[in-house]
Amino acid sequence: MSSGGYVLLVAVLAALAFGVYRAMVDGRFRGTHRIRGAVEAEREMSADVTSVLAGTPWSEQLGERATFLQFSSAFCAPCRATRRILEDVVAETPGVAHVEVDAEHHLELVRRLGVLRTPTTLVLDGAGVEVTRAAGAPTKAQVQAAIAALTG
């Protein structure tokens, strides 16, 4: 095999490995992200916990039990699929709300919450505190498992 063939083989294997990696991690709910300024805010607020949506237009749209905070963009196809999945779960689960934020128009919130790509879905508890997050499009089963873990 020529050196060009080896280069092609390595490129194809690298692309396959990256595709498998992305398929494994996209949409999985993992831990939270430390919010910028959280340490200073905690000191100022003492033991009080503040919502990640405090001071935003969505602060009054929290669900009683949980809220899906979805960051999306206009031309993001996985964002539309994520929206449908989250709306289905919200329709099936009482006390859960869905809030969608256009990441392009709310960059300050995106930066403060450490959102790096769309779609990113944060699961907030009833007080608006981030419990977990998923980067990429989660499946309906993953969303239901995240809510079940939160609400018990």
C-alpha atoms as a PDB file:
ATOM      1  CA  MET A   1       0.000   0.000   0.000  1.00  0.00           C
ATOM      2  CA  SER A   2       1.303   3.457  -0.861  1.00  0.00           C
ATOM      3  CA  SER A   3       1.818   6.235   1.652  1.00  0.00           C
ATOM      4  CA  GLY A   4      -1.300   7.984   0.297  1.00  0.00           C
ATOM      5  CA  GLY A   5      -3.341   4.882   1.082  1.00  0.00           C
ATOM      6  CA  TYR A   6      -2.052   4.841   4.656  1.00  0.00           C
ATOM      7  CA  VAL A   7      -2.913   8.504   5.089  1.00  0.00           C
ATOM      8  CA  LEU A   8      -6.434   7.850   3.788  1.00  0.00           C
ATOM      9  CA  LEU A   9      -6.842   4.847   6.094  1.00  0.00           C
ATOM     10  CA  VAL A  10      -5.705   6.839   9.144  1.00  0.00           C
ATOM     11  CA  ALA A  11      -8.063   9.715   8.230  1.00  0.00           C
ATOM     12  CA  VAL A  12     -11.034   7.349   7.863  1.00  0.00           C
ATOM     13  CA  LEU A  13     -10.244   5.613  11.169  1.00  0.00           C
ATOM     14  CA  ALA A  14      -9.886   8.953  12.958  1.00  0.00           C
ATOM     15  CA  ALA A  15     -13.230  10.140  11.566  1.00  0.00           C
ATOM     16  CA  LEU A  16     -14.915   6.909  12.655  1.00  0.00           C
ATOM     17  CA  ALA A  17     -13.431   7.141  16.138  1.00  0.00           C
ATOM     18  CA  PHE A  18     -14.611  10.738  16.496  1.00  0.00           C
ATOM     19  CA  GLY A  19     -18.102   9.790  15.269  1.00  0.00           C
ATOM     20  CA  VAL A  20     -18.357   6.957  17.792  1.00  0.00           C
ATOM     21  CA  TYR A  21     -17.170   9.262  20.569  1.00  0.00           C
ATOM     22  CA  ARG A  22     -19.761  11.928  19.686  1.00  0.00           C
ATOM     23  CA  ALA A  23     -22.525   9.324  19.486  1.00  0.00           C
ATOM     24  CA  MET A  24     -21.620   8.153  22.984  1.00  0.00           C
ATOM     25  CA  VAL A  25     -21.500  11.573  24.685  1.00  0.00           C
ATOM     26  CA  ASP A  26     -24.077  13.701  22.844  1.00  0.00           C
ATOM     27  CA  GLY A  27     -27.245  14.298  24.811  1.00  0.00           C
ATOM     28  CA  ARG A  28     -26.114  12.609  28.012  1.00  0.00           C
ATOM     29  CA  PHE A  29     -27.023  14.371  31.216  1.00  0.00           C
ATOM     30  CA  ARG A  30     -23.922  14.898  33.325  1.00  0.00           C
ATOM     31  CA  GLY A  31     -23.011  17.044  36.294  1.00  0.00           C
ATOM     32  CA  THR A  32     -23.384  20.777  36.463  1.00  0.00           C
ATOM     33  CA  HIS A  33     -21.168  23.655  35.435  1.00  0.00           C
ATOM     34  CA  ARG A  34     -19.833  26.090  38.010  1.00  0.00           C
ATOM     35  CA  ILE A  35     -21.505  29.398  37.287  1.00  0.00           C
ATOM     36  CA  ARG A  36     -19.181  32.370  36.970  1.00  0.00           C
ATOM     37  CA  GLY A  37     -19.272  34.514  40.067  1.00  0.00           C
ATOM     38  CA  ALA A  38     -21.057  31.795  42.043  1.00  0.00           C
ATOM     39  CA  VAL A  39     -18.569  31.861  44.926  1.00  0.00           C
ATOM     40  CA  GLU A  40     -18.947  35.609  45.349  1.00  0.00           C
ATOM     41  CA  ALA A  41     -22.726  35.370  45.026  1.00  0.00           C
ATOM     42  CA  GLU A  42     -22.851  32.601  47.642  1.00  0.00           C
ATOM     43  CA  ARG A  43     -20.887  34.759  50.068  1.00  0.00           C
ATOM     44  CA  GLU A  44     -23.209  37.708  49.510  1.00  0.00           C
ATOM     45  CA  MET A  45     -26.368  35.619  49.779  1.00  0.00           C
ATOM     46  CA  SER A  46     -25.069  33.584  52.750  1.00  0.00           C
ATOM     47  CA  ALA A  47     -27.042  30.338  52.763  1.00  0.00           C
ATOM     48  CA  ASP A  48     -29.662  31.452  50.223  1.00  0.00           C
ATOM     49  CA  VAL A  49     -29.587  29.699  46.860  1.00  0.00           C
ATOM     50  CA  THR A  50     -30.431  31.771  43.794  1.00  0.00           C
ATOM     51  CA  SER A  51     -31.987  30.663  40.544  1.00  0.00           C
ATOM     52  CA  VAL A  52     -29.827  30.628  37.425  1.00  0.00           C
ATOM     53  CA  LEU A  53     -32.660  32.607  35.825  1.00  0.00           C
ATOM     54  CA  ALA A  54     -32.715  35.339  38.481  1.00  0.00           C
ATOM     55  CA  GLY A  55     -32.820  38.732  36.816  1.00  0.00           C
ATOM     56  CA  THR A  56     -33.815  37.350  33.416  1.00  0.00           C
ATOM     57  CA  PRO A  57     -37.141  37.561  31.557  1.00  0.00           C
ATOM     58  CA  TRP A  58     -37.704  33.856  32.299  1.00  0.00           C
ATOM     59  CA  SER A  59     -37.385  34.020  36.091  1.00  0.00           C
ATOM     60  CA  GLU A  60     -41.149  33.647  36.558  1.00  0.00           C
ATOM     61  CA  GLN A  61     -41.494  30.665  34.182  1.00  0.00           C
ATOM     62  CA  LEU A  62     -40.030  28.033  36.502  1.00  0.00           C
ATOM     63  CA  GLY A  63     -41.934  24.782  36.957  1.00  0.00           C
ATOM     64  CA  GLU A  64     -43.009  23.678  40.419  1.00  0.00           C
ATOM     65  CA  ARG A  65     -40.914  20.514  40.334  1.00  0.00           C
ATOM     66  CA  ALA A  66     -38.396  21.124  37.550  1.00  0.00           C
ATOM     67  CA  THR A  67     -37.603  23.246  34.500  1.00  0.00           C
ATOM     68  CA  PHE A  68     -35.834  22.377  31.254  1.00  0.00           C
ATOM     69  CA  LEU A  69     -33.749  25.369  30.208  1.00  0.00           C
ATOM     70  CA  GLN A  70     -32.830  24.814  26.559  1.00  0.00           C
ATOM     71  CA  PHE A  71     -30.268  26.943  24.748  1.00  0.00           C
ATOM     72  CA  SER A  72     -30.707  26.820  20.991  1.00  0.00           C
ATOM     73  CA  SER A  73     -29.959  28.767  17.837  1.00  0.00           C
ATOM     74  CA  ALA A  74     -31.952  29.572  14.708  1.00  0.00           C
ATOM     75  CA  PHE A  75     -30.322  27.153  12.277  1.00  0.00           C
ATOM     76  CA  CYS A  76     -29.765  24.238  14.639  1.00  0.00           C
ATOM     77  CA  ALA A  77     -31.594  21.087  13.487  1.00  0.00           C
ATOM     78  CA  PRO A  78     -30.874  19.125  16.704  1.00  0.00           C
ATOM     79  CA  CYS A  79     -32.372  22.071  18.626  1.00  0.00           C
ATOM     80  CA  ARG A  80     -35.750  21.505  16.970  1.00  0.00           C
ATOM     81  CA  ALA A  81     -35.639  17.792  17.788  1.00  0.00           C
ATOM     82  CA  THR A  82     -34.679  18.584  21.378  1.00  0.00           C
ATOM     83  CA  ARG A  83     -37.559  21.078  21.637  1.00  0.00           C
ATOM     84  CA  ARG A  84     -40.064  18.409  20.537  1.00  0.00           C
ATOM     85  CA  ILE A  85     -38.701  15.856  22.995  1.00  0.00           C
ATOM     86  CA  LEU A  86     -38.724  18.301  25.910  1.00  0.00           C
ATOM     87  CA  GLU A  87     -42.252  19.477  25.086  1.00  0.00           C
ATOM     88  CA  ASP A  88     -43.435  15.840  24.997  1.00  0.00           C
ATOM     89  CA  VAL A  89     -41.948  15.161  28.425  1.00  0.00           C
ATOM     90  CA  VAL A  90     -43.397  18.410  29.824  1.00  0.00           C
ATOM     91  CA  ALA A  91     -46.848  17.423  28.530  1.00  0.00           C
ATOM     92  CA  GLU A  92     -46.558  14.052  30.289  1.00  0.00           C
ATOM     93  CA  THR A  93     -45.083  15.294  33.575  1.00  0.00           C
ATOM     94  CA  PRO A  94     -47.004  17.677  35.853  1.00  0.00           C
ATOM     95  CA  GLY A  95     -45.060  20.501  37.478  1.00  0.00           C
ATOM     96  CA  VAL A  96     -42.334  20.553  34.830  1.00  0.00           C
ATOM     97  CA  ALA A  97     -41.783  23.539  32.519  1.00  0.00           C
ATOM     98  CA  HIS A  98     -39.747  24.126  29.363  1.00  0.00           C
ATOM     99  CA  VAL A  99     -37.981  27.432  28.695  1.00  0.00           C
ATOM    100  CA  GLU A 100     -36.133  27.936  25.421  1.00  0.00           C
ATOM    101  CA  VAL A 101     -33.486  30.666  25.131  1.00  0.00           C
ATOM    102  CA  ASP A 102     -31.986  31.861  21.849  1.00  0.00           C
ATOM    103  CA  ALA A 103     -28.271  31.622  22.589  1.00  0.00           C
ATOM    104  CA  GLU A 104     -27.329  34.150  19.895  1.00  0.00           C
ATOM    105  CA  HIS A 105     -29.414  36.915  21.472  1.00  0.00           C
ATOM    106  CA  HIS A 106     -28.581  36.243  25.121  1.00  0.00           C
ATOM    107  CA  LEU A 107     -24.803  35.907  25.128  1.00  0.00           C
ATOM    108  CA  GLU A 108     -24.352  37.219  28.674  1.00  0.00           C
ATOM    109  CA  LEU A 109     -26.479  34.384  30.079  1.00  0.00           C
ATOM    110  CA  VAL A 110     -24.754  31.873  27.783  1.00  0.00           C
ATOM    111  CA  ARG A 111     -21.336  32.950  29.043  1.00  0.00           C
ATOM    112  CA  ARG A 112     -22.397  33.081  32.684  1.00  0.00           C
ATOM    113  CA  LEU A 113     -23.786  29.541  32.537  1.00  0.00           C
ATOM    114  CA  GLY A 114     -20.883  28.146  30.512  1.00  0.00           C
ATOM    115  CA  VAL A 115     -22.927  27.023  27.515  1.00  0.00           C
ATOM    116  CA  LEU A 116     -20.506  26.070  24.747  1.00  0.00           C
ATOM    117  CA  ARG A 117     -22.781  24.634  22.053  1.00  0.00           C
ATOM    118  CA  THR A 118     -26.376  24.254  21.018  1.00  0.00           C
ATOM    119  CA  PRO A 119     -28.501  22.518  21.952  1.00  0.00           C
ATOM    120  CA  THR A 120     -27.600  22.529  25.616  1.00  0.00           C
ATOM    121  CA  THR A 121     -30.309  21.594  28.077  1.00  0.00           C
ATOM    122  CA  LEU A 122     -30.076  22.416  31.772  1.00  0.00           C
ATOM    123  CA  VAL A 123     -32.371  20.702  34.241  1.00  0.00           C
ATOM    124  CA  LEU A 124     -33.294  23.086  37.044  1.00  0.00           C
ATOM    125  CA  ASP A 125     -34.999  22.125  40.277  1.00  0.00           C
ATOM    126  CA  GLY A 126     -38.099  23.923  41.572  1.00  0.00           C
ATOM    127  CA  ALA A 127     -35.955  26.781  42.924  1.00  0.00           C
ATOM    128  CA  GLY A 128     -34.174  27.262  39.581  1.00  0.00           C
ATOM    129  CA  VAL A 129     -30.857  25.742  40.646  1.00  0.00           C
ATOM    130  CA  GLU A 130     -29.008  23.699  38.015  1.00  0.00           C
ATOM    131  CA  VAL A 131     -29.056  19.995  38.782  1.00  0.00           C
ATOM    132  CA  THR A 132     -27.644  18.533  35.571  1.00  0.00           C
ATOM    133  CA  ARG A 133     -27.045  19.413  31.924  1.00  0.00           C
ATOM    134  CA  ALA A 134     -26.751  17.787  28.522  1.00  0.00           C
ATOM    135  CA  ALA A 135     -24.837  19.110  25.528  1.00  0.00           C
ATOM    136  CA  GLY A 136     -26.306  17.809  22.301  1.00  0.00           C
ATOM    137  CA  ALA A 137     -29.701  16.311  21.574  1.00  0.00           C
ATOM    138  CA  PRO A 138     -30.850  13.945  24.341  1.00  0.00           C
ATOM    139  CA  THR A 139     -33.251  11.078  23.748  1.00  0.00           C
ATOM    140  CA  LYS A 140     -36.650  11.015  25.382  1.00  0.00           C
ATOM    141  CA  ALA A 141     -35.497   8.207  27.688  1.00  0.00           C
ATOM    142  CA  GLN A 142     -32.504  10.287  28.836  1.00  0.00           C
ATOM    143  CA  VAL A 143     -34.762  13.261  29.579  1.00  0.00           C
ATOM    144  CA  GLN A 144     -37.240  11.120  31.490  1.00  0.00           C
ATOM    145  CA  ALA A 145     -34.412   9.557  33.507  1.00  0.00           C
ATOM    146  CA  ALA A 146     -33.050  13.002  34.414  1.00  0.00           C
ATOM    147  CA  ILE A 147     -36.478  14.130  35.637  1.00  0.00           C
ATOM    148  CA  ALA A 148     -37.022  10.866  37.530  1.00  0.00           C
ATOM    149  CA  ALA A 149     -33.675  11.289  39.273  1.00  0.00           C
ATOM    150  CA  LEU A 150     -34.581  14.844  40.262  1.00  0.00           C
ATOM    151  CA  THR A 151     -38.151  14.327  41.396  1.00  0.00           C
ATOM    152  CA  GLY A 152     -37.699  10.883  42.878  1.00  0.00           C
END
